[in-house]
Amino acid sequence: MEDLLLTEEERKVKYEVRNIVKDVPPELIRDIESEKVKFPREFLDLVAGAGIVGLRYPKKYGGRDASWVADMSAVEEMGRLGFTLSCMYSLGTIVGEAINRFGTPEQKETYLRGITSGKRYGAEAITEPSGGSDLFGMMKTAARREGDTFVLNGQKRFIVGGQGADFFVTYAVTDPSATPRTRGVSAFIVDRDTPGLRVETMYGLMGNKGGGTARIVFKDAVVPENHLIGEVNQGYDVFNRMMVPERLTTASGSLGVANAAIEVAAQYAMHREAFGAKLMEHEGVSFRIAESLTGIAHASALVYTASRAADALDAGKASPSYVRKLVSMAKLNSTEVMWNAVNSAMQVLGGIGYTTVYPVERLLRDSRLGMIWTGTNEIMKLIIQHEYVKEISSPEYPRDKRNIELDALDFSLVDEKVMS
């Protein structure tokens, strides 16, 4: 269905990536799941070598100047490999966004070109032990200026790519007295070989294995001033821009995971027999598949609508607030649709779905994280209602719409409309 929402050029990108995904060795995914592979550099080299990393970045830095829609269609295809590899592929888009939008020409030449060529793999170091959803309110990592450098102290955890990334985009407090606190945070590029940076805890995860998820510590880590992204204390603006691809890639990758699970379940139901008929002929099974397909279709429409809105934002035809609302909706909706679809797939398979004979148990474990990372789904709901209230309260909000309150029988009883 989503193909109808793509231009011819975007479809070409989607099917190019689909062909690459089809040929990813199954052994790699099995080795990741059995933890023989801790960090999938082989996969990262493969996708970079195919020229499909950093699609939206300028051609002069190795990108394709592709649309958000094309990029998200690529991530959707990656989702068929599972959340781990979809995420690993997406990190180039996520961390590069900060540099593409706010970085210097020198930073772009080094790091954007490094991402697209596969020579530099970037990770984001955002979450802290004391601050997940309340990152900026609870941020402890600090950076003090010393001459033409910044000295970072603090730690970040749950860093996907922590084990193998070549550099990190991170955030630190540079003005602890700033009000609001969001205006006292700066964004930095920190190379892995920076003295004072060390990788500590390697997390054991329920799912999403193979991402090299780690805790990293900054202990008097000296970062050159030219590794500052944007201006001092502009980190909140950088962060908000990064959240567009972070949440959109989660939403689009979820589509691929959900489709993969339902496809496995449908193939099984078309061949397995029970009570004298194929499982697919039983309403209890076929209705589950139909409901999942419907959920995936409407999630897909929202993902591509949000992606079009992001393209409109780049063209100056949409507001950041509107895009933030749609992207949050897409992330919220897609991850919950994915979770329901994978659960339904397991129910269709029955007991065999709970074993490692089929990949659905892996997809189930992986998909649970979707409702937590990149901002929990509860945070997405807060963002959606916040942006909506801001929208309808704005003086620019259209006042030529129908006044629905006048349709009430007793609309004139204004004394009954007690507001305080």
Protein backbone atom coordinates (compact mmCIF):
# COMPACT_ATOMS: atom_id res chain seq x y z
CA MET A 1 0.00 0.00 0.00
CA GLU A 2 2.76 2.42 0.92
CA ASP A 3 4.15 2.22 -2.64
CA LEU A 4 1.21 4.38 -3.72
CA LEU A 5 2.54 7.11 -1.45
CA LEU A 6 5.97 7.20 -3.09
CA THR A 7 7.30 9.02 -6.11
CA GLU A 8 9.05 6.98 -8.79
CA GLU A 9 12.46 8.01 -7.42
CA GLU A 10 11.46 7.05 -3.89
CA ARG A 11 10.22 3.67 -5.10
CA LYS A 12 13.57 3.07 -6.78
CA VAL A 13 15.34 3.69 -3.47
CA LYS A 14 12.93 1.40 -1.62
CA TYR A 15 13.43 -1.50 -4.01
CA GLU A 16 17.16 -0.98 -4.20
CA VAL A 17 17.33 -1.36 -0.42
CA ARG A 18 14.90 -4.29 -0.53
CA ASN A 19 17.29 -6.18 -2.82
CA ILE A 20 20.18 -5.48 -0.47
CA VAL A 21 18.17 -6.61 2.56
CA LYS A 22 17.18 -9.82 0.75
CA ASP A 23 20.84 -10.79 0.37
CA VAL A 24 21.97 -10.10 3.97
CA PRO A 25 23.30 -13.49 5.12
CA PRO A 26 20.89 -15.22 7.54
CA GLU A 27 23.96 -16.51 9.32
CA LEU A 28 24.75 -12.94 10.40
CA ILE A 29 21.39 -12.54 12.11
CA ARG A 30 21.74 -15.93 13.76
CA ASP A 31 25.25 -15.07 14.95
CA ILE A 32 23.98 -11.79 16.38
CA GLU A 33 21.19 -13.57 18.21
CA SER A 34 23.55 -16.20 19.63
CA GLU A 35 25.92 -13.34 20.58
CA LYS A 36 28.79 -14.57 18.49
CA VAL A 37 28.67 -11.12 16.89
CA LYS A 38 28.70 -8.30 19.45
CA PHE A 39 28.85 -5.45 16.96
CA PRO A 40 27.86 -5.98 13.28
CA ARG A 41 30.66 -4.18 11.47
CA GLU A 42 30.26 -6.58 8.57
CA PHE A 43 26.69 -5.35 8.08
CA LEU A 44 27.68 -1.69 8.38
CA ASP A 45 30.41 -2.16 5.78
CA LEU A 46 27.90 -3.90 3.49
CA VAL A 47 25.29 -1.10 3.54
CA ALA A 48 27.93 1.64 3.29
CA GLY A 49 29.55 -0.17 0.38
CA ALA A 50 26.18 -0.32 -1.34
CA GLY A 51 25.88 3.47 -1.10
CA ILE A 52 22.64 3.50 0.86
CA VAL A 53 23.79 5.16 4.09
CA GLY A 54 23.02 8.83 4.71
CA LEU A 55 20.60 9.04 1.79
CA ARG A 56 19.34 12.53 2.65
CA TYR A 57 22.75 14.11 2.94
CA PRO A 58 24.14 16.31 0.17
CA LYS A 59 25.78 14.54 -2.74
CA LYS A 60 29.00 16.43 -2.12
CA TYR A 61 29.31 14.50 1.15
CA GLY A 62 28.42 11.14 -0.36
CA GLY A 63 24.65 11.29 0.13
CA ARG A 64 21.92 11.41 -2.49
CA ASP A 65 19.93 14.52 -1.55
CA ALA A 66 17.03 12.08 -1.08
CA SER A 67 13.73 12.96 0.55
CA TRP A 68 12.72 12.00 4.07
CA VAL A 69 10.15 9.69 2.47
CA ALA A 70 12.83 7.85 0.49
CA ASP A 71 15.00 7.53 3.58
CA MET A 72 12.15 6.17 5.70
CA SER A 73 11.15 3.70 2.98
CA ALA A 74 14.72 2.38 3.17
CA VAL A 75 14.49 2.03 6.95
CA GLU A 76 11.18 0.19 6.61
CA GLU A 77 12.88 -2.38 4.39
CA MET A 78 15.69 -2.70 6.95
CA GLY A 79 13.05 -3.47 9.57
CA ARG A 80 12.54 -6.88 7.97
CA LEU A 81 15.94 -7.79 9.39
CA GLY A 82 14.72 -6.93 12.88
CA PHE A 83 15.11 -3.92 15.13
CA THR A 84 18.84 -4.33 15.78
CA LEU A 85 20.04 -3.96 12.21
CA SER A 86 17.34 -1.43 11.39
CA CYS A 87 18.63 0.69 14.26
CA MET A 88 22.27 0.21 13.32
CA TYR A 89 21.48 1.33 9.79
CA SER A 90 19.47 4.32 11.05
CA LEU A 91 22.13 5.71 13.34
CA GLY A 92 23.93 7.21 10.38
CA THR A 93 20.79 9.19 9.61
CA ILE A 94 20.22 10.17 13.23
CA VAL A 95 23.64 11.38 14.35
CA GLY A 96 24.38 12.85 10.94
CA GLU A 97 21.26 15.01 11.17
CA ALA A 98 22.84 17.11 13.93
CA ILE A 99 25.98 17.63 11.90
CA ASN A 100 24.15 18.20 8.61
CA ARG A 101 21.93 20.90 10.14
CA PHE A 102 24.26 22.59 12.60
CA GLY A 103 27.80 21.46 11.78
CA THR A 104 30.65 23.37 10.20
CA PRO A 105 31.86 22.57 6.67
CA GLU A 106 34.88 20.85 8.21
CA GLN A 107 32.67 18.70 10.45
CA LYS A 108 30.50 17.74 7.50
CA GLU A 109 33.49 16.83 5.36
CA THR A 110 34.92 14.64 8.11
CA TYR A 111 31.86 13.08 9.69
CA LEU A 112 29.09 13.13 7.07
CA ARG A 113 31.47 11.81 4.47
CA GLY A 114 32.76 9.36 7.05
CA ILE A 115 29.20 8.09 7.63
CA THR A 116 28.29 7.70 3.97
CA SER A 117 31.60 6.00 3.12
CA GLY A 118 31.47 3.67 6.11
CA LYS A 119 34.80 4.95 7.41
CA ARG A 120 33.26 6.54 10.49
CA TYR A 121 30.34 5.00 12.31
CA GLY A 122 28.57 7.35 14.69
CA ALA A 123 26.42 6.71 17.77
CA GLU A 124 24.38 9.02 19.95
CA ALA A 125 25.28 9.30 23.63
CA ILE A 126 22.24 10.89 25.22
CA THR A 127 20.58 8.92 28.04
CA GLU A 128 22.05 9.23 31.52
CA PRO A 129 21.60 7.05 34.63
CA SER A 130 19.63 9.82 36.31
CA GLY A 131 17.84 11.14 33.24
CA GLY A 132 15.97 9.15 30.65
CA SER A 133 12.73 10.88 29.73
CA ASP A 134 13.71 13.89 31.87
CA LEU A 135 17.08 14.18 30.18
CA PHE A 136 17.54 17.94 30.30
CA GLY A 137 16.09 18.32 33.76
CA MET A 138 18.38 15.69 35.23
CA MET A 139 21.50 15.95 33.05
CA LYS A 140 24.67 15.53 35.09
CA THR A 141 27.28 15.40 32.33
CA ALA A 142 29.02 18.77 32.27
CA ALA A 143 31.52 20.49 30.00
CA ARG A 144 33.73 23.34 31.14
CA ARG A 145 35.67 25.50 28.73
CA GLU A 146 39.45 25.52 29.05
CA GLY A 147 41.03 27.71 26.39
CA ASP A 148 40.16 26.28 23.00
CA THR A 149 38.85 23.01 24.44
CA PHE A 150 35.98 21.68 26.53
CA VAL A 151 36.55 19.20 29.35
CA LEU A 152 33.70 16.70 29.74
CA ASN A 153 32.82 14.78 32.88
CA GLY A 154 29.86 12.46 33.29
CA GLN A 155 28.41 9.30 31.84
CA LYS A 156 25.84 8.09 29.35
CA ARG A 157 24.15 4.70 29.28
CA PHE A 158 22.16 2.45 26.93
CA ILE A 159 24.32 3.69 24.06
CA VAL A 160 23.58 1.57 20.98
CA GLY A 161 26.88 1.31 19.15
CA GLY A 162 28.80 2.09 22.32
CA GLN A 163 31.11 -0.85 21.77
CA GLY A 164 32.07 -0.16 18.17
CA ALA A 165 31.24 3.41 17.17
CA ASP A 166 34.03 5.65 15.90
CA PHE A 167 32.51 8.82 17.36
CA PHE A 168 29.63 9.93 19.56
CA VAL A 169 27.24 12.88 19.36
CA THR A 170 26.64 13.81 22.98
CA TYR A 171 25.22 16.56 25.17
CA ALA A 172 26.59 18.26 28.27
CA VAL A 173 25.68 21.16 30.54
CA THR A 174 27.78 24.20 29.70
CA ASP A 175 25.82 26.80 31.70
CA PRO A 176 24.38 25.35 34.92
CA SER A 177 22.76 28.68 35.80
CA ALA A 178 20.72 28.92 32.60
CA THR A 179 16.95 29.37 32.85
CA PRO A 180 15.32 27.37 31.45
CA ARG A 181 17.92 24.64 31.85
CA THR A 182 17.49 23.61 28.23
CA ARG A 183 19.31 26.82 27.28
CA GLY A 184 22.43 25.77 29.13
CA VAL A 185 23.26 22.58 27.22
CA SER A 186 25.66 22.12 24.29
CA ALA A 187 26.17 19.35 21.73
CA PHE A 188 29.56 17.82 20.92
CA ILE A 189 31.25 15.32 18.64
CA VAL A 190 33.51 13.11 20.74
CA ASP A 191 35.87 10.72 18.95
CA ARG A 192 36.30 7.26 20.41
CA ASP A 193 40.04 7.75 20.87
CA THR A 194 39.53 10.91 22.95
CA PRO A 195 41.65 10.65 26.14
CA GLY A 196 39.30 10.34 29.10
CA LEU A 197 36.55 8.48 27.23
CA ARG A 198 36.10 4.86 28.16
CA VAL A 199 33.49 2.20 27.51
CA GLU A 200 32.39 0.43 30.66
CA THR A 201 29.25 -1.65 31.15
CA MET A 202 28.16 -3.83 28.25
CA TYR A 203 24.47 -4.46 28.81
CA GLY A 204 22.77 -7.82 28.59
CA LEU A 205 19.51 -7.16 26.77
CA MET A 206 16.27 -9.10 26.49
CA GLY A 207 16.28 -8.44 22.75
CA ASN A 208 18.03 -6.25 20.18
CA LYS A 209 21.29 -8.10 20.64
CA GLY A 210 24.36 -7.24 18.61
CA GLY A 211 24.13 -3.46 18.86
CA GLY A 212 27.09 -3.14 21.21
CA THR A 213 24.90 -1.36 23.78
CA ALA A 214 27.13 0.13 26.46
CA ARG A 215 27.67 2.74 29.13
CA ILE A 216 30.37 5.27 28.32
CA VAL A 217 32.15 7.48 30.81
CA PHE A 218 33.78 10.88 30.32
CA LYS A 219 36.53 11.51 32.87
CA ASP A 220 38.24 14.80 32.08
CA ALA A 221 37.73 14.04 28.39
CA VAL A 222 39.26 16.89 26.41
CA VAL A 223 37.23 17.83 23.34
CA PRO A 224 38.50 20.47 20.86
CA GLU A 225 36.36 23.57 20.51
CA ASN A 226 35.88 22.77 16.81
CA HIS A 227 33.96 19.63 17.86
CA LEU A 228 31.15 21.77 19.27
CA ILE A 229 28.00 21.30 17.16
CA GLY A 230 26.38 24.66 16.52
CA GLU A 231 26.77 27.37 19.12
CA VAL A 232 27.47 27.06 22.83
CA ASN A 233 24.21 26.39 24.71
CA GLN A 234 22.39 25.52 21.48
CA GLY A 235 22.23 21.82 22.34
CA TYR A 236 18.48 21.73 22.90
CA ASP A 237 17.86 22.92 19.35
CA VAL A 238 20.29 20.30 18.02
CA PHE A 239 18.57 17.62 20.10
CA ASN A 240 15.09 18.49 18.85
CA ARG A 241 16.27 18.28 15.27
CA MET A 242 17.91 14.91 15.93
CA MET A 243 14.64 13.59 17.34
CA VAL A 244 12.95 13.90 13.94
CA PRO A 245 14.98 11.09 12.32
CA GLU A 246 15.37 9.24 15.63
CA ARG A 247 11.62 8.83 16.07
CA LEU A 248 10.78 8.54 12.39
CA THR A 249 13.30 5.74 11.88
CA THR A 250 11.83 3.89 14.86
CA ALA A 251 8.37 4.32 13.35
CA SER A 252 9.39 3.20 9.87
CA GLY A 253 11.54 0.32 11.10
CA SER A 254 8.54 -0.88 13.12
CA LEU A 255 6.58 -1.28 9.89
CA GLY A 256 9.20 -3.67 8.55
CA VAL A 257 9.26 -5.71 11.77
CA ALA A 258 5.46 -5.95 11.85
CA ASN A 259 5.22 -6.96 8.20
CA ALA A 260 7.92 -9.61 8.65
CA ALA A 261 6.12 -11.19 11.61
CA ILE A 262 2.71 -11.25 9.93
CA GLU A 263 4.19 -12.69 6.75
CA VAL A 264 5.69 -15.59 8.71
CA ALA A 265 2.38 -16.16 10.49
CA ALA A 266 0.32 -16.00 7.28
CA GLN A 267 2.59 -18.48 5.48
CA TYR A 268 2.28 -20.82 8.44
CA ALA A 269 -1.52 -20.43 8.59
CA MET A 270 -1.84 -21.19 4.88
CA HIS A 271 -0.17 -24.60 5.33
CA ARG A 272 -0.92 -25.75 8.87
CA GLU A 273 -4.11 -27.76 9.32
CA ALA A 274 -6.37 -28.04 12.36
CA PHE A 275 -9.93 -29.28 12.78
CA GLY A 276 -10.09 -30.37 9.17
CA ALA A 277 -9.08 -27.06 7.58
CA LYS A 278 -6.12 -24.76 7.04
CA LEU A 279 -5.60 -22.35 9.92
CA MET A 280 -6.20 -19.45 7.57
CA GLU A 281 -9.74 -20.72 7.03
CA HIS A 282 -10.56 -20.32 10.73
CA GLU A 283 -11.93 -16.89 11.64
CA GLY A 284 -9.97 -16.77 14.88
CA VAL A 285 -6.77 -16.84 12.86
CA SER A 286 -7.74 -14.95 9.72
CA PHE A 287 -9.27 -12.09 11.70
CA ARG A 288 -6.06 -11.64 13.69
CA ILE A 289 -4.09 -11.38 10.47
CA ALA A 290 -6.65 -9.02 8.92
CA GLU A 291 -6.57 -6.74 11.98
CA SER A 292 -2.79 -6.69 11.96
CA LEU A 293 -2.63 -5.85 8.26
CA THR A 294 -5.11 -3.02 8.79
CA GLY A 295 -3.06 -1.66 11.66
CA ILE A 296 0.14 -1.81 9.61
CA ALA A 297 -1.57 -0.02 6.70
CA HIS A 298 -2.76 2.92 8.79
CA ALA A 299 0.59 3.07 10.61
CA SER A 300 2.30 3.18 7.22
CA ALA A 301 0.11 6.05 6.07
CA LEU A 302 0.97 8.04 9.18
CA VAL A 303 4.70 7.35 8.86
CA TYR A 304 4.74 8.58 5.27
CA THR A 305 2.57 11.58 6.12
CA ALA A 306 5.02 12.52 8.87
CA SER A 307 7.89 12.01 6.43
CA ARG A 308 6.24 14.31 3.87
CA ALA A 309 5.80 16.85 6.65
CA ALA A 310 9.52 16.62 7.43
CA ASP A 311 10.23 17.31 3.75
CA ALA A 312 7.88 20.30 3.97
CA LEU A 313 9.75 21.52 7.05
CA ASP A 314 13.01 21.45 5.12
CA ALA A 315 11.33 23.47 2.37
CA GLY A 316 10.02 26.04 4.86
CA LYS A 317 6.41 24.98 4.28
CA ALA A 318 5.67 23.42 7.68
CA SER A 319 6.35 24.43 11.26
CA PRO A 320 8.68 22.48 13.58
CA SER A 321 5.79 22.17 16.03
CA TYR A 322 3.52 20.50 13.47
CA VAL A 323 6.25 18.09 12.37
CA ARG A 324 7.12 17.27 15.98
CA LYS A 325 3.48 16.37 16.62
CA LEU A 326 3.20 14.14 13.54
CA VAL A 327 6.53 12.41 14.15
CA SER A 328 5.52 11.68 17.75
CA MET A 329 2.21 10.28 16.52
CA ALA A 330 4.00 8.07 14.02
CA LYS A 331 6.41 6.70 16.62
CA LEU A 332 3.64 6.08 19.15
CA ASN A 333 1.33 4.43 16.65
CA SER A 334 3.85 2.32 14.72
CA THR A 335 5.51 0.80 17.76
CA GLU A 336 2.17 -0.20 19.28
CA VAL A 337 0.91 -1.58 15.96
CA MET A 338 4.16 -3.54 15.66
CA TRP A 339 3.84 -4.93 19.20
CA ASN A 340 0.25 -6.05 18.54
CA ALA A 341 1.13 -7.54 15.16
CA VAL A 342 4.07 -9.54 16.49
CA ASN A 343 1.97 -10.82 19.39
CA SER A 344 -0.75 -11.85 16.95
CA ALA A 345 1.84 -13.61 14.79
CA MET A 346 3.00 -15.61 17.80
CA GLN A 347 -0.58 -16.49 18.68
CA VAL A 348 -1.20 -17.77 15.16
CA LEU A 349 1.91 -19.95 15.33
CA GLY A 350 0.96 -21.23 18.74
CA GLY A 351 3.55 -23.16 20.71
CA ILE A 352 6.05 -23.37 17.86
CA GLY A 353 6.09 -19.58 17.74
CA TYR A 354 7.48 -19.55 21.27
CA THR A 355 10.52 -21.54 20.14
CA THR A 356 13.56 -20.55 18.13
CA VAL A 357 12.34 -22.65 15.19
CA TYR A 358 10.72 -19.45 13.84
CA PRO A 359 12.05 -15.89 14.20
CA VAL A 360 8.86 -14.50 15.75
CA GLU A 361 10.09 -14.95 19.33
CA ARG A 362 13.11 -12.78 18.46
CA LEU A 363 10.92 -10.16 16.84
CA LEU A 364 8.69 -10.15 19.93
CA ARG A 365 11.63 -9.52 22.26
CA ASP A 366 13.07 -6.90 19.95
CA SER A 367 9.82 -5.04 19.40
CA ARG A 368 9.17 -4.46 23.11
CA LEU A 369 11.95 -1.89 23.18
CA GLY A 370 10.21 0.19 20.53
CA MET A 371 7.75 1.55 23.07
CA ILE A 372 10.58 2.63 25.39
CA TRP A 373 13.49 4.02 23.41
CA THR A 374 13.74 7.38 21.60
CA GLY A 375 11.29 8.73 24.15
CA THR A 376 8.73 6.42 25.76
CA ASN A 377 5.28 6.27 24.23
CA GLU A 378 3.97 8.13 27.28
CA ILE A 379 6.35 10.97 26.38
CA MET A 380 5.05 10.85 22.80
CA LYS A 381 1.53 11.37 24.14
CA LEU A 382 2.69 14.34 26.21
CA ILE A 383 4.34 15.88 23.15
CA ILE A 384 1.25 15.32 20.98
CA GLN A 385 -1.16 16.97 23.41
CA HIS A 386 1.32 19.78 24.14
CA GLU A 387 1.77 20.62 20.48
CA TYR A 388 -1.98 20.36 19.84
CA VAL A 389 -2.86 22.71 22.71
CA LYS A 390 -0.21 25.13 21.49
CA GLU A 391 -1.64 24.88 17.98
CA ILE A 392 -5.29 25.59 18.84
CA SER A 393 -4.30 28.33 21.29
CA SER A 394 -2.21 30.19 18.75
CA PRO A 395 -3.49 33.49 17.29
CA GLU A 396 -2.60 32.02 13.88
CA TYR A 397 -4.98 29.08 14.35
CA PRO A 398 -7.69 29.22 11.65
CA ARG A 399 -10.81 30.95 12.99
CA ASP A 400 -12.92 30.25 9.91
CA LYS A 401 -13.81 26.73 11.05
CA ARG A 402 -17.28 25.78 12.13
CA ASN A 403 -18.07 26.56 15.78
CA ILE A 404 -19.26 23.14 16.96
CA GLU A 405 -20.50 24.44 20.31
CA LEU A 406 -23.37 26.20 18.56
CA ASP A 407 -24.78 22.82 17.52
CA ALA A 408 -25.78 22.00 21.10
CA LEU A 409 -29.50 22.37 21.95
CA ASP A 410 -28.73 24.56 24.93
CA PHE A 411 -25.74 26.38 23.52
CA SER A 412 -27.10 29.69 24.85
CA LEU A 413 -26.93 28.70 28.52
CA VAL A 414 -23.60 30.41 28.95
CA ASP A 415 -23.94 30.55 32.75
CA GLU A 416 -23.68 26.76 32.78
CA LYS A 417 -20.31 26.85 31.03
CA VAL A 418 -18.32 27.40 34.21
CA MET A 419 -14.61 27.46 33.41
CA SER A 420 -13.19 28.41 36.79
